[in-house]
Amino acid sequence: HGMTITTVVVKPKSRGWVRLRSADPA
């Protein structure tokens, strides 16, 4: 029994990326 409070940064400055793993659409 307990409680979790999650805190979230609502306007983050950090930026990441998405790249292809291969040319295979799967």
mmCIF file of all heavy atoms, coordinates in Angstrom:
data_MODEL
# 
_entry.id   MODEL 
# 
loop_
_atom_site.group_PDB 
_atom_site.id 
_atom_site.type_symbol 
_atom_site.label_atom_id 
_atom_site.label_alt_id 
_atom_site.label_comp_id 
_atom_site.label_asym_id 
_atom_site.label_entity_id 
_atom_site.label_seq_id 
_atom_site.pdbx_PDB_ins_code 
_atom_site.Cartn_x 
_atom_site.Cartn_y 
_atom_site.Cartn_z 
_atom_site.occupancy 
_atom_site.B_iso_or_equiv 
_atom_site.pdbx_formal_charge 
_atom_site.auth_seq_id 
_atom_site.auth_comp_id 
_atom_site.auth_asym_id 
_atom_site.auth_atom_id 
_atom_site.pdbx_PDB_model_num 
ATOM 1   N N   . HIS A 1 1  ? 0.848  -1.191 0.000   1.00 0.00 ? 1  HIS A N   1 
ATOM 2   C CA  . HIS A 1 1  ? 0.000  0.000  0.000   1.00 0.00 ? 1  HIS A CA  1 
ATOM 3   C C   . HIS A 1 1  ? 0.887  1.246  0.000   1.00 0.00 ? 1  HIS A C   1 
ATOM 4   O O   . HIS A 1 1  ? 1.856  1.330  0.761   1.00 0.00 ? 1  HIS A O   1 
ATOM 5   C CB  . HIS A 1 1  ? -0.903 0.020  1.238   1.00 0.00 ? 1  HIS A CB  1 
ATOM 6   C CG  . HIS A 1 1  ? -1.865 -1.132 1.291   1.00 0.00 ? 1  HIS A CG  1 
ATOM 7   N ND1 . HIS A 1 1  ? -3.076 -1.121 0.645   1.00 0.00 ? 1  HIS A ND1 1 
ATOM 8   C CD2 . HIS A 1 1  ? -1.779 -2.339 1.911   1.00 0.00 ? 1  HIS A CD2 1 
ATOM 9   C CE1 . HIS A 1 1  ? -3.709 -2.264 0.869   1.00 0.00 ? 1  HIS A CE1 1 
ATOM 10  N NE2 . HIS A 1 1  ? -2.937 -3.027 1.637   1.00 0.00 ? 1  HIS A NE2 1 
ATOM 11  N N   . GLY A 1 2  ? 0.555  2.196  -0.831  1.00 0.00 ? 2  GLY A N   1 
ATOM 12  C CA  . GLY A 1 2  ? 1.350  3.412  -0.864  1.00 0.00 ? 2  GLY A CA  1 
ATOM 13  C C   . GLY A 1 2  ? 0.876  4.374  -1.931  1.00 0.00 ? 2  GLY A C   1 
ATOM 14  O O   . GLY A 1 2  ? -0.213 4.230  -2.503  1.00 0.00 ? 2  GLY A O   1 
ATOM 15  N N   . MET A 1 3  ? 1.706  5.347  -2.214  1.00 0.00 ? 3  MET A N   1 
ATOM 16  C CA  . MET A 1 3  ? 1.388  6.371  -3.197  1.00 0.00 ? 3  MET A CA  1 
ATOM 17  C C   . MET A 1 3  ? 2.637  6.737  -3.971  1.00 0.00 ? 3  MET A C   1 
ATOM 18  O O   . MET A 1 3  ? 3.740  6.799  -3.411  1.00 0.00 ? 3  MET A O   1 
ATOM 19  C CB  . MET A 1 3  ? 0.832  7.622  -2.512  1.00 0.00 ? 3  MET A CB  1 
ATOM 20  C CG  . MET A 1 3  ? 0.622  8.809  -3.466  1.00 0.00 ? 3  MET A CG  1 
ATOM 21  S SD  . MET A 1 3  ? 0.260  10.350 -2.606  1.00 0.00 ? 3  MET A SD  1 
ATOM 22  C CE  . MET A 1 3  ? -1.457 10.081 -2.213  1.00 0.00 ? 3  MET A CE  1 
ATOM 23  N N   . THR A 1 4  ? 2.450  7.008  -5.264  1.00 0.00 ? 4  THR A N   1 
ATOM 24  C CA  . THR A 1 4  ? 3.512  7.525  -6.116  1.00 0.00 ? 4  THR A CA  1 
ATOM 25  C C   . THR A 1 4  ? 3.088  8.886  -6.654  1.00 0.00 ? 4  THR A C   1 
ATOM 26  O O   . THR A 1 4  ? 1.965  9.036  -7.147  1.00 0.00 ? 4  THR A O   1 
ATOM 27  C CB  . THR A 1 4  ? 3.789  6.577  -7.293  1.00 0.00 ? 4  THR A CB  1 
ATOM 28  O OG1 . THR A 1 4  ? 4.143  5.286  -6.783  1.00 0.00 ? 4  THR A OG1 1 
ATOM 29  C CG2 . THR A 1 4  ? 4.916  7.107  -8.167  1.00 0.00 ? 4  THR A CG2 1 
ATOM 30  N N   . ILE A 1 5  ? 3.961  9.851  -6.532  1.00 0.00 ? 5  ILE A N   1 
ATOM 31  C CA  . ILE A 1 5  ? 3.768  11.139 -7.193  1.00 0.00 ? 5  ILE A CA  1 
ATOM 32  C C   . ILE A 1 5  ? 4.852  11.253 -8.248  1.00 0.00 ? 5  ILE A C   1 
ATOM 33  O O   . ILE A 1 5  ? 6.047  11.195 -7.927  1.00 0.00 ? 5  ILE A O   1 
ATOM 34  C CB  . ILE A 1 5  ? 3.850  12.319 -6.213  1.00 0.00 ? 5  ILE A CB  1 
ATOM 35  C CG1 . ILE A 1 5  ? 2.736  12.246 -5.176  1.00 0.00 ? 5  ILE A CG1 1 
ATOM 36  C CG2 . ILE A 1 5  ? 3.777  13.655 -6.981  1.00 0.00 ? 5  ILE A CG2 1 
ATOM 37  C CD1 . ILE A 1 5  ? 2.828  13.326 -4.105  1.00 0.00 ? 5  ILE A CD1 1 
ATOM 38  N N   . THR A 1 6  ? 4.451  11.378 -9.502  1.00 0.00 ? 6  THR A N   1 
ATOM 39  C CA  . THR A 1 6  ? 5.427  11.588 -10.558 1.00 0.00 ? 6  THR A CA  1 
ATOM 40  C C   . THR A 1 6  ? 5.499  13.071 -10.888 1.00 0.00 ? 6  THR A C   1 
ATOM 41  O O   . THR A 1 6  ? 4.477  13.744 -11.007 1.00 0.00 ? 6  THR A O   1 
ATOM 42  C CB  . THR A 1 6  ? 5.079  10.806 -11.827 1.00 0.00 ? 6  THR A CB  1 
ATOM 43  O OG1 . THR A 1 6  ? 3.784  11.182 -12.297 1.00 0.00 ? 6  THR A OG1 1 
ATOM 44  C CG2 . THR A 1 6  ? 5.095  9.317  -11.570 1.00 0.00 ? 6  THR A CG2 1 
ATOM 45  N N   . THR A 1 7  ? 6.709  13.580 -10.994 1.00 0.00 ? 7  THR A N   1 
ATOM 46  C CA  . THR A 1 7  ? 6.912  14.974 -11.369 1.00 0.00 ? 7  THR A CA  1 
ATOM 47  C C   . THR A 1 7  ? 7.410  15.020 -12.812 1.00 0.00 ? 7  THR A C   1 
ATOM 48  O O   . THR A 1 7  ? 8.254  14.220 -13.223 1.00 0.00 ? 7  THR A O   1 
ATOM 49  C CB  . THR A 1 7  ? 7.909  15.668 -10.436 1.00 0.00 ? 7  THR A CB  1 
ATOM 50  O OG1 . THR A 1 7  ? 9.171  14.980 -10.472 1.00 0.00 ? 7  THR A OG1 1 
ATOM 51  C CG2 . THR A 1 7  ? 7.395  15.673 -9.005  1.00 0.00 ? 7  THR A CG2 1 
ATOM 52  N N   . VAL A 1 8  ? 6.874  15.967 -13.574 1.00 0.00 ? 8  VAL A N   1 
ATOM 53  C CA  . VAL A 1 8  ? 7.118  16.054 -15.010 1.00 0.00 ? 8  VAL A CA  1 
ATOM 54  C C   . VAL A 1 8  ? 7.539  17.480 -15.357 1.00 0.00 ? 8  VAL A C   1 
ATOM 55  O O   . VAL A 1 8  ? 6.873  18.444 -14.948 1.00 0.00 ? 8  VAL A O   1 
ATOM 56  C CB  . VAL A 1 8  ? 5.847  15.689 -15.796 1.00 0.00 ? 8  VAL A CB  1 
ATOM 57  C CG1 . VAL A 1 8  ? 6.076  15.826 -17.295 1.00 0.00 ? 8  VAL A CG1 1 
ATOM 58  C CG2 . VAL A 1 8  ? 5.379  14.283 -15.441 1.00 0.00 ? 8  VAL A CG2 1 
ATOM 59  N N   . VAL A 1 9  ? 8.634  17.634 -16.091 1.00 0.00 ? 9  VAL A N   1 
ATOM 60  C CA  . VAL A 1 9  ? 9.042  18.948 -16.603 1.00 0.00 ? 9  VAL A CA  1 
ATOM 61  C C   . VAL A 1 9  ? 8.188  19.248 -17.835 1.00 0.00 ? 9  VAL A C   1 
ATOM 62  O O   . VAL A 1 9  ? 8.248  18.522 -18.830 1.00 0.00 ? 9  VAL A O   1 
ATOM 63  C CB  . VAL A 1 9  ? 10.532 18.965 -16.949 1.00 0.00 ? 9  VAL A CB  1 
ATOM 64  C CG1 . VAL A 1 9  ? 10.934 20.314 -17.545 1.00 0.00 ? 9  VAL A CG1 1 
ATOM 65  C CG2 . VAL A 1 9  ? 11.374 18.667 -15.716 1.00 0.00 ? 9  VAL A CG2 1 
ATOM 66  N N   . VAL A 1 10 ? 7.374  20.315 -17.762 1.00 0.00 ? 10 VAL A N   1 
ATOM 67  C CA  . VAL A 1 10 ? 6.364  20.518 -18.803 1.00 0.00 ? 10 VAL A CA  1 
ATOM 68  C C   . VAL A 1 10 ? 6.888  21.220 -20.054 1.00 0.00 ? 10 VAL A C   1 
ATOM 69  O O   . VAL A 1 10 ? 6.304  21.084 -21.133 1.00 0.00 ? 10 VAL A O   1 
ATOM 70  C CB  . VAL A 1 10 ? 5.138  21.282 -18.257 1.00 0.00 ? 10 VAL A CB  1 
ATOM 71  C CG1 . VAL A 1 10 ? 4.422  20.464 -17.204 1.00 0.00 ? 10 VAL A CG1 1 
ATOM 72  C CG2 . VAL A 1 10 ? 5.506  22.656 -17.737 1.00 0.00 ? 10 VAL A CG2 1 
ATOM 73  N N   . LYS A 1 11 ? 7.977  21.982 -19.952 1.00 0.00 ? 11 LYS A N   1 
ATOM 74  C CA  . LYS A 1 11 ? 8.544  22.641 -21.132 1.00 0.00 ? 11 LYS A CA  1 
ATOM 75  C C   . LYS A 1 11 ? 10.032 22.325 -21.219 1.00 0.00 ? 11 LYS A C   1 
ATOM 76  O O   . LYS A 1 11 ? 10.895 23.184 -21.052 1.00 0.00 ? 11 LYS A O   1 
ATOM 77  C CB  . LYS A 1 11 ? 8.319  24.153 -21.078 1.00 0.00 ? 11 LYS A CB  1 
ATOM 78  C CG  . LYS A 1 11 ? 6.859  24.578 -21.030 1.00 0.00 ? 11 LYS A CG  1 
ATOM 79  C CD  . LYS A 1 11 ? 6.098  24.204 -22.299 1.00 0.00 ? 11 LYS A CD  1 
ATOM 80  C CE  . LYS A 1 11 ? 6.428  25.117 -23.439 1.00 0.00 ? 11 LYS A CE  1 
ATOM 81  N NZ  . LYS A 1 11 ? 5.527  24.824 -24.606 1.00 0.00 ? 11 LYS A NZ  1 
ATOM 82  N N   . PRO A 1 12 ? 10.363 21.054 -21.484 1.00 0.00 ? 12 PRO A N   1 
ATOM 83  C CA  . PRO A 1 12 ? 11.774 20.656 -21.483 1.00 0.00 ? 12 PRO A CA  1 
ATOM 84  C C   . PRO A 1 12 ? 12.562 21.301 -22.622 1.00 0.00 ? 12 PRO A C   1 
ATOM 85  O O   . PRO A 1 12 ? 12.043 21.550 -23.714 1.00 0.00 ? 12 PRO A O   1 
ATOM 86  C CB  . PRO A 1 12 ? 11.707 19.135 -21.663 1.00 0.00 ? 12 PRO A CB  1 
ATOM 87  C CG  . PRO A 1 12 ? 10.394 18.896 -22.333 1.00 0.00 ? 12 PRO A CG  1 
ATOM 88  C CD  . PRO A 1 12 ? 9.468  19.937 -21.803 1.00 0.00 ? 12 PRO A CD  1 
ATOM 89  N N   . LYS A 1 13 ? 13.833 21.546 -22.346 1.00 0.00 ? 13 LYS A N   1 
ATOM 90  C CA  . LYS A 1 13 ? 14.753 22.094 -23.354 1.00 0.00 ? 13 LYS A CA  1 
ATOM 91  C C   . LYS A 1 13 ? 15.538 20.999 -24.075 1.00 0.00 ? 13 LYS A C   1 
ATOM 92  O O   . LYS A 1 13 ? 16.064 21.221 -25.165 1.00 0.00 ? 13 LYS A O   1 
ATOM 93  C CB  . LYS A 1 13 ? 15.716 23.071 -22.684 1.00 0.00 ? 13 LYS A CB  1 
ATOM 94  C CG  . LYS A 1 13 ? 15.047 24.290 -22.063 1.00 0.00 ? 13 LYS A CG  1 
ATOM 95  C CD  . LYS A 1 13 ? 16.079 25.231 -21.449 1.00 0.00 ? 13 LYS A CD  1 
ATOM 96  C CE  . LYS A 1 13 ? 15.413 26.435 -20.779 1.00 0.00 ? 13 LYS A CE  1 
ATOM 97  N NZ  . LYS A 1 13 ? 14.649 27.246 -21.761 1.00 0.00 ? 13 LYS A NZ  1 
ATOM 98  N N   . SER A 1 14 ? 15.644 19.831 -23.463 1.00 0.00 ? 14 SER A N   1 
ATOM 99  C CA  . SER A 1 14 ? 16.411 18.736 -24.055 1.00 0.00 ? 14 SER A CA  1 
ATOM 100 C C   . SER A 1 14 ? 15.781 18.299 -25.378 1.00 0.00 ? 14 SER A C   1 
ATOM 101 O O   . SER A 1 14 ? 14.555 18.244 -25.510 1.00 0.00 ? 14 SER A O   1 
ATOM 102 C CB  . SER A 1 14 ? 16.452 17.541 -23.106 1.00 0.00 ? 14 SER A CB  1 
ATOM 103 O OG  . SER A 1 14 ? 17.023 17.891 -21.867 1.00 0.00 ? 14 SER A OG  1 
ATOM 104 N N   . ARG A 1 15 ? 16.654 17.977 -26.334 1.00 0.00 ? 15 ARG A N   1 
ATOM 105 C CA  . ARG A 1 15 ? 16.188 17.511 -27.639 1.00 0.00 ? 15 ARG A CA  1 
ATOM 106 C C   . ARG A 1 15 ? 16.937 16.249 -28.026 1.00 0.00 ? 15 ARG A C   1 
ATOM 107 O O   . ARG A 1 15 ? 18.143 16.123 -27.799 1.00 0.00 ? 15 ARG A O   1 
ATOM 108 C CB  . ARG A 1 15 ? 16.399 18.581 -28.720 1.00 0.00 ? 15 ARG A CB  1 
ATOM 109 C CG  . ARG A 1 15 ? 15.542 19.844 -28.532 1.00 0.00 ? 15 ARG A CG  1 
ATOM 110 C CD  . ARG A 1 15 ? 14.066 19.540 -28.695 1.00 0.00 ? 15 ARG A CD  1 
ATOM 111 N NE  . ARG A 1 15 ? 13.230 20.724 -28.637 1.00 0.00 ? 15 ARG A NE  1 
ATOM 112 C CZ  . ARG A 1 15 ? 12.693 21.213 -27.520 1.00 0.00 ? 15 ARG A CZ  1 
ATOM 113 N NH1 . ARG A 1 15 ? 12.937 20.623 -26.350 1.00 0.00 ? 15 ARG A NH1 1 
ATOM 114 N NH2 . ARG A 1 15 ? 11.906 22.278 -27.566 1.00 0.00 ? 15 ARG A NH2 1 
ATOM 115 N N   . GLY A 1 16 ? 16.207 15.328 -28.648 1.00 0.00 ? 16 GLY A N   1 
ATOM 116 C CA  . GLY A 1 16 ? 16.801 14.084 -29.106 1.00 0.00 ? 16 GLY A CA  1 
ATOM 117 C C   . GLY A 1 16 ? 16.588 13.899 -30.589 1.00 0.00 ? 16 GLY A C   1 
ATOM 118 O O   . GLY A 1 16 ? 16.408 14.870 -31.331 1.00 0.00 ? 16 GLY A O   1 
ATOM 119 N N   . TRP A 1 17 ? 16.569 12.650 -31.032 1.00 0.00 ? 17 TRP A N   1 
ATOM 120 C CA  . TRP A 1 17 ? 16.476 12.387 -32.461 1.00 0.00 ? 17 TRP A CA  1 
ATOM 121 C C   . TRP A 1 17 ? 15.888 11.012 -32.749 1.00 0.00 ? 17 TRP A C   1 
ATOM 122 O O   . TRP A 1 17 ? 15.855 10.126 -31.885 1.00 0.00 ? 17 TRP A O   1 
ATOM 123 C CB  . TRP A 1 17 ? 17.848 12.507 -33.129 1.00 0.00 ? 17 TRP A CB  1 
ATOM 124 C CG  . TRP A 1 17 ? 18.990 11.848 -32.397 1.00 0.00 ? 17 TRP A CG  1 
ATOM 125 C CD1 . TRP A 1 17 ? 19.878 12.436 -31.563 1.00 0.00 ? 17 TRP A CD1 1 
ATOM 126 C CD2 . TRP A 1 17 ? 19.342 10.445 -32.418 1.00 0.00 ? 17 TRP A CD2 1 
ATOM 127 N NE1 . TRP A 1 17 ? 20.777 11.516 -31.072 1.00 0.00 ? 17 TRP A NE1 1 
ATOM 128 C CE2 . TRP A 1 17 ? 20.470 10.288 -31.592 1.00 0.00 ? 17 TRP A CE2 1 
ATOM 129 C CE3 . TRP A 1 17 ? 18.823 9.332  -33.071 1.00 0.00 ? 17 TRP A CE3 1 
ATOM 130 C CZ2 . TRP A 1 17 ? 21.081 9.046  -31.386 1.00 0.00 ? 17 TRP A CZ2 1 
ATOM 131 C CZ3 . TRP A 1 17 ? 19.425 8.094  -32.872 1.00 0.00 ? 17 TRP A CZ3 1 
ATOM 132 C CH2 . TRP A 1 17 ? 20.544 7.960  -32.032 1.00 0.00 ? 17 TRP A CH2 1 
ATOM 133 N N   . VAL A 1 18 ? 15.421 10.864 -33.983 1.00 0.00 ? 18 VAL A N   1 
ATOM 134 C CA  . VAL A 1 18 ? 14.951 9.591  -34.535 1.00 0.00 ? 18 VAL A CA  1 
ATOM 135 C C   . VAL A 1 18 ? 15.728 9.339  -35.814 1.00 0.00 ? 18 VAL A C   1 
ATOM 136 O O   . VAL A 1 18 ? 15.802 10.215 -36.686 1.00 0.00 ? 18 VAL A O   1 
ATOM 137 C CB  . VAL A 1 18 ? 13.444 9.625  -34.846 1.00 0.00 ? 18 VAL A CB  1 
ATOM 138 C CG1 . VAL A 1 18 ? 13.001 8.323  -35.510 1.00 0.00 ? 18 VAL A CG1 1 
ATOM 139 C CG2 . VAL A 1 18 ? 12.636 9.891  -33.584 1.00 0.00 ? 18 VAL A CG2 1 
ATOM 140 N N   . ARG A 1 19 ? 16.308 8.153  -35.939 1.00 0.00 ? 19 ARG A N   1 
ATOM 141 C CA  . ARG A 1 19 ? 17.069 7.797  -37.147 1.00 0.00 ? 19 ARG A CA  1 
ATOM 142 C C   . ARG A 1 19 ? 16.667 6.403  -37.609 1.00 0.00 ? 19 ARG A C   1 
ATOM 143 O O   . ARG A 1 19 ? 16.151 5.594  -36.834 1.00 0.00 ? 19 ARG A O   1 
ATOM 144 C CB  . ARG A 1 19 ? 18.579 7.823  -36.853 1.00 0.00 ? 19 ARG A CB  1 
ATOM 145 C CG  . ARG A 1 19 ? 19.096 9.209  -36.497 1.00 0.00 ? 19 ARG A CG  1 
ATOM 146 C CD  . ARG A 1 19 ? 20.551 9.169  -36.072 1.00 0.00 ? 19 ARG A CD  1 
ATOM 147 N NE  . ARG A 1 19 ? 20.985 10.482 -35.581 1.00 0.00 ? 19 ARG A NE  1 
ATOM 148 C CZ  . ARG A 1 19 ? 22.044 10.685 -34.806 1.00 0.00 ? 19 ARG A CZ  1 
ATOM 149 N NH1 . ARG A 1 19 ? 22.801 9.645  -34.438 1.00 0.00 ? 19 ARG A NH1 1 
ATOM 150 N NH2 . ARG A 1 19 ? 22.370 11.895 -34.400 1.00 0.00 ? 19 ARG A NH2 1 
ATOM 151 N N   . LEU A 1 20 ? 16.941 6.136  -38.858 1.00 0.00 ? 20 LEU A N   1 
ATOM 152 C CA  . LEU A 1 20 ? 16.684 4.806  -39.390 1.00 0.00 ? 20 LEU A CA  1 
ATOM 153 C C   . LEU A 1 20 ? 17.660 3.796  -38.790 1.00 0.00 ? 20 LEU A C   1 
ATOM 154 O O   . LEU A 1 20 ? 18.831 4.100  -38.574 1.00 0.00 ? 20 LEU A O   1 
ATOM 155 C CB  . LEU A 1 20 ? 16.841 4.801  -40.908 1.00 0.00 ? 20 LEU A CB  1 
ATOM 156 C CG  . LEU A 1 20 ? 15.802 5.585  -41.717 1.00 0.00 ? 20 LEU A CG  1 
ATOM 157 C CD1 . LEU A 1 20 ? 16.173 5.545  -43.192 1.00 0.00 ? 20 LEU A CD1 1 
ATOM 158 C CD2 . LEU A 1 20 ? 14.405 5.029  -41.503 1.00 0.00 ? 20 LEU A CD2 1 
ATOM 159 N N   . ARG A 1 21 ? 17.152 2.605  -38.548 1.00 0.00 ? 21 ARG A N   1 
ATOM 160 C CA  . ARG A 1 21 ? 18.020 1.493  -38.147 1.00 0.00 ? 21 ARG A CA  1 
ATOM 161 C C   . ARG A 1 21 ? 18.580 0.795  -39.388 1.00 0.00 ? 21 ARG A C   1 
ATOM 162 O O   . ARG A 1 21 ? 19.700 0.312  -39.397 1.00 0.00 ? 21 ARG A O   1 
ATOM 163 C CB  . ARG A 1 21 ? 17.227 0.502  -37.293 1.00 0.00 ? 21 ARG A CB  1 
ATOM 164 C CG  . ARG A 1 21 ? 18.054 -0.572 -36.623 1.00 0.00 ? 21 ARG A CG  1 
ATOM 165 C CD  . ARG A 1 21 ? 17.186 -1.451 -35.744 1.00 0.00 ? 21 ARG A CD  1 
ATOM 166 N NE  . ARG A 1 21 ? 16.509 -0.684 -34.712 1.00 0.00 ? 21 ARG A NE  1 
ATOM 167 C CZ  . ARG A 1 21 ? 17.026 -0.367 -33.526 1.00 0.00 ? 21 ARG A CZ  1 
ATOM 168 N NH1 . ARG A 1 21 ? 18.260 -0.747 -33.234 1.00 0.00 ? 21 ARG A NH1 1 
ATOM 169 N NH2 . ARG A 1 21 ? 16.322 0.322  -32.655 1.00 0.00 ? 21 ARG A NH2 1 
ATOM 170 N N   . SER A 1 22 ? 17.747 0.741  -40.423 1.00 0.00 ? 22 SER A N   1 
ATOM 171 C CA  . SER A 1 22 ? 18.134 0.131  -41.692 1.00 0.00 ? 22 SER A CA  1 
ATOM 172 C C   . SER A 1 22 ? 17.140 0.603  -42.738 1.00 0.00 ? 22 SER A C   1 
ATOM 173 O O   . SER A 1 22 ? 16.217 1.367  -42.444 1.00 0.00 ? 22 SER A O   1 
ATOM 174 C CB  . SER A 1 22 ? 18.114 -1.401 -41.584 1.00 0.00 ? 22 SER A CB  1 
ATOM 175 O OG  . SER A 1 22 ? 16.782 -1.885 -41.593 1.00 0.00 ? 22 SER A OG  1 
ATOM 176 N N   . ALA A 1 23 ? 17.284 0.123  -43.945 1.00 0.00 ? 23 ALA A N   1 
ATOM 177 C CA  . ALA A 1 23 ? 16.330 0.428  -45.011 1.00 0.00 ? 23 ALA A CA  1 
ATOM 178 C C   . ALA A 1 23 ? 15.151 -0.539 -45.012 1.00 0.00 ? 23 ALA A C   1 
ATOM 179 O O   . ALA A 1 23 ? 14.251 -0.421 -45.852 1.00 0.00 ? 23 ALA A O   1 
ATOM 180 C CB  . ALA A 1 23 ? 17.026 0.385  -46.369 1.00 0.00 ? 23 ALA A CB  1 
ATOM 181 N N   . ASP A 1 24 ? 15.124 -1.465 -44.085 1.00 0.00 ? 24 ASP A N   1 
ATOM 182 C CA  . ASP A 1 24 ? 14.036 -2.443 -43.984 1.00 0.00 ? 24 ASP A CA  1 
ATOM 183 C C   . ASP A 1 24 ? 12.851 -1.794 -43.270 1.00 0.00 ? 24 ASP A C   1 
ATOM 184 O O   . ASP A 1 24 ? 12.960 -1.432 -42.091 1.00 0.00 ? 24 ASP A O   1 
ATOM 185 C CB  . ASP A 1 24 ? 14.511 -3.675 -43.213 1.00 0.00 ? 24 ASP A CB  1 
ATOM 186 C CG  . ASP A 1 24 ? 13.457 -4.774 -43.147 1.00 0.00 ? 24 ASP A CG  1 
ATOM 187 O OD1 . ASP A 1 24 ? 12.296 -4.529 -43.544 1.00 0.00 ? 24 ASP A OD1 1 
ATOM 188 O OD2 . ASP A 1 24 ? 13.791 -5.879 -42.692 1.00 0.00 ? 24 ASP A OD2 1 
ATOM 189 N N   . PRO A 1 25 ? 11.693 -1.656 -43.925 1.00 0.00 ? 25 PRO A N   1 
ATOM 190 C CA  . PRO A 1 25 ? 10.542 -1.011 -43.271 1.00 0.00 ? 25 PRO A CA  1 
ATOM 191 C C   . PRO A 1 25 ? 10.063 -1.738 -42.022 1.00 0.00 ? 25 PRO A C   1 
ATOM 192 O O   . PRO A 1 25 ? 9.373  -1.137 -41.184 1.00 0.00 ? 25 PRO A O   1 
ATOM 193 C CB  . PRO A 1 25 ? 9.463  -1.026 -44.363 1.00 0.00 ? 25 PRO A CB  1 
ATOM 194 C CG  . PRO A 1 25 ? 10.215 -1.144 -45.648 1.00 0.00 ? 25 PRO A CG  1 
ATOM 195 C CD  . PRO A 1 25 ? 11.411 -1.993 -45.328 1.00 0.00 ? 25 PRO A CD  1 
ATOM 196 N N   . ALA A 1 26 ? 10.406 -3.017 -41.876 1.00 0.00 ? 26 ALA A N   1 
ATOM 197 C CA  . ALA A 1 26 ? 9.973  -3.771 -40.691 1.00 0.00 ? 26 ALA A CA  1 
ATOM 198 C C   . ALA A 1 26 ? 10.775 -3.411 -39.449 1.00 0.00 ? 26 ALA A C   1 
ATOM 199 O O   . ALA A 1 26 ? 10.349 -3.698 -38.322 1.00 0.00 ? 26 ALA A O   1 
ATOM 200 C CB  . ALA A 1 26 ? 10.069 -5.266 -40.958 1.00 0.00 ? 26 ALA A CB  1 
# 
